[in-house]
């Protein structure tokens, strides 16, 4: 039970980071969070979007693990 709550919180954190890195990278709040100048934020926008995508996959994997989080799930699945 506690493990599921922690997994859900970490998945939500990764989703939040995805939103910041992919969509809000150049706004003042995100620049302050990552200690970036406006110029550096513009230069690293594509790199940040790539990192955001990575965090999205982590959030999706953790969410999927919560859904299928029982032992032996792979042997019972039909892909």
C-alpha atoms as a PDB file:
ATOM      1  CA  UNK A   1       0.000   0.000   0.000  1.00  0.00           C
ATOM      2  CA  UNK A   2       2.712   2.484   1.006  1.00  0.00           C
ATOM      3  CA  UNK A   3       4.831   1.380  -1.952  1.00  0.00           C
ATOM      4  CA  UNK A   4       1.959   2.088  -4.351  1.00  0.00           C
ATOM      5  CA  UNK A   5       1.506   5.568  -2.903  1.00  0.00           C
ATOM      6  CA  UNK A   6       5.219   6.314  -3.259  1.00  0.00           C
ATOM      7  CA  UNK A   7       5.261   5.002  -6.841  1.00  0.00           C
ATOM      8  CA  UNK A   8       2.261   7.197  -7.688  1.00  0.00           C
ATOM      9  CA  UNK A   9       3.957  10.254  -6.156  1.00  0.00           C
ATOM     10  CA  UNK A  10       7.160   9.632  -8.091  1.00  0.00           C
ATOM     11  CA  UNK A  11       5.184   9.132 -11.309  1.00  0.00           C
ATOM     12  CA  UNK A  12       3.395  12.439 -10.685  1.00  0.00           C
ATOM     13  CA  UNK A  13       6.748  14.138 -10.078  1.00  0.00           C
ATOM     14  CA  UNK A  14       8.114  12.817 -13.381  1.00  0.00           C
ATOM     15  CA  UNK A  15       4.984  14.012 -15.164  1.00  0.00           C
ATOM     16  CA  UNK A  16       5.396  17.471 -13.602  1.00  0.00           C
ATOM     17  CA  UNK A  17       9.019  17.573 -14.772  1.00  0.00           C
ATOM     18  CA  UNK A  18       7.858  16.527 -18.264  1.00  0.00           C
ATOM     19  CA  UNK A  19       5.523  19.525 -18.418  1.00  0.00           C
ATOM     20  CA  UNK A  20       8.219  21.935 -17.264  1.00  0.00           C
ATOM     21  CA  UNK A  21      10.897  20.624 -19.610  1.00  0.00           C
ATOM     22  CA  UNK A  22       8.754  20.191 -22.701  1.00  0.00           C
ATOM     23  CA  UNK A  23       6.353  23.111 -22.536  1.00  0.00           C
ATOM     24  CA  UNK A  24       7.414  25.659 -19.910  1.00  0.00           C
ATOM     25  CA  UNK A  25      11.213  25.650 -20.270  1.00  0.00           C
ATOM     26  CA  UNK A  26      11.581  29.320 -21.202  1.00  0.00           C
ATOM     27  CA  UNK A  27       9.162  30.916 -18.723  1.00  0.00           C
ATOM     28  CA  UNK A  28      10.689  32.763 -15.745  1.00  0.00           C
ATOM     29  CA  UNK A  29       9.490  30.228 -13.151  1.00  0.00           C
ATOM     30  CA  UNK A  30      11.181  27.303 -14.926  1.00  0.00           C
ATOM     31  CA  UNK A  31      14.332  29.337 -15.558  1.00  0.00           C
ATOM     32  CA  UNK A  32      14.536  30.142 -11.843  1.00  0.00           C
ATOM     33  CA  UNK A  33      14.017  26.482 -10.927  1.00  0.00           C
ATOM     34  CA  UNK A  34      16.953  25.418 -13.112  1.00  0.00           C
ATOM     35  CA  UNK A  35      19.011  28.614 -12.607  1.00  0.00           C
ATOM     36  CA  UNK A  36      19.077  29.491 -16.326  1.00  0.00           C
ATOM     37  CA  UNK A  37      19.442  32.748 -18.142  1.00  0.00           C
ATOM     38  CA  UNK A  38      16.916  33.578 -20.849  1.00  0.00           C
ATOM     39  CA  UNK A  39      19.559  33.076 -23.538  1.00  0.00           C
ATOM     40  CA  UNK A  40      20.662  29.691 -22.210  1.00  0.00           C
ATOM     41  CA  UNK A  41      17.060  28.520 -21.877  1.00  0.00           C
ATOM     42  CA  UNK A  42      16.443  29.328 -25.547  1.00  0.00           C
ATOM     43  CA  UNK A  43      19.635  27.541 -26.619  1.00  0.00           C
ATOM     44  CA  UNK A  44      18.804  24.393 -24.632  1.00  0.00           C
ATOM     45  CA  UNK A  45      15.098  24.211 -25.469  1.00  0.00           C
ATOM     46  CA  UNK A  46      15.434  21.111 -27.704  1.00  0.00           C
ATOM     47  CA  UNK A  47      17.633  19.321 -25.179  1.00  0.00           C
ATOM     48  CA  UNK A  48      15.123  20.047 -22.420  1.00  0.00           C
ATOM     49  CA  UNK A  49      12.279  18.674 -24.542  1.00  0.00           C
ATOM     50  CA  UNK A  50      14.268  15.465 -24.992  1.00  0.00           C
ATOM     51  CA  UNK A  51      14.755  15.210 -21.239  1.00  0.00           C
ATOM     52  CA  UNK A  52      11.052  15.868 -20.762  1.00  0.00           C
ATOM     53  CA  UNK A  53      10.195  13.015 -23.088  1.00  0.00           C
ATOM     54  CA  UNK A  54      12.459  10.741 -21.052  1.00  0.00           C
ATOM     55  CA  UNK A  55      10.650  11.769 -17.861  1.00  0.00           C
ATOM     56  CA  UNK A  56       7.342  11.098 -19.596  1.00  0.00           C
ATOM     57  CA  UNK A  57       8.392   7.541 -20.368  1.00  0.00           C
ATOM     58  CA  UNK A  58       9.442   7.080 -16.747  1.00  0.00           C
ATOM     59  CA  UNK A  59       6.052   8.357 -15.569  1.00  0.00           C
ATOM     60  CA  UNK A  60       4.252   6.073 -18.030  1.00  0.00           C
ATOM     61  CA  UNK A  61       6.291   3.059 -16.941  1.00  0.00           C
ATOM     62  CA  UNK A  62       5.643   3.713 -13.273  1.00  0.00           C
ATOM     63  CA  UNK A  63       1.936   4.199 -13.928  1.00  0.00           C
ATOM     64  CA  UNK A  64       1.810   0.973 -15.908  1.00  0.00           C
ATOM     65  CA  UNK A  65       3.619  -0.829 -13.091  1.00  0.00           C
ATOM     66  CA  UNK A  66       0.935   0.319 -10.668  1.00  0.00           C
ATOM     67  CA  UNK A  67      -1.727  -1.151 -12.925  1.00  0.00           C
ATOM     68  CA  UNK A  68       0.077  -4.434 -13.590  1.00  0.00           C
ATOM     69  CA  UNK A  69       1.954  -4.566 -10.292  1.00  0.00           C
ATOM     70  CA  UNK A  70       1.259  -8.160  -9.384  1.00  0.00           C
ATOM     71  CA  UNK A  71       3.820 -10.992  -9.484  1.00  0.00           C
ATOM     72  CA  UNK A  72       3.745 -13.145 -12.579  1.00  0.00           C
ATOM     73  CA  UNK A  73       1.800 -10.609 -14.667  1.00  0.00           C
ATOM     74  CA  UNK A  74       3.889 -11.281 -17.755  1.00  0.00           C
ATOM     75  CA  UNK A  75       2.917 -14.927 -17.947  1.00  0.00           C
ATOM     76  CA  UNK A  76      -0.790 -13.968 -17.755  1.00  0.00           C
ATOM     77  CA  UNK A  77      -0.661 -11.254 -20.429  1.00  0.00           C
ATOM     78  CA  UNK A  78      -1.591 -11.634 -24.031  1.00  0.00           C
ATOM     79  CA  UNK A  79       0.079  -8.957 -26.094  1.00  0.00           C
END
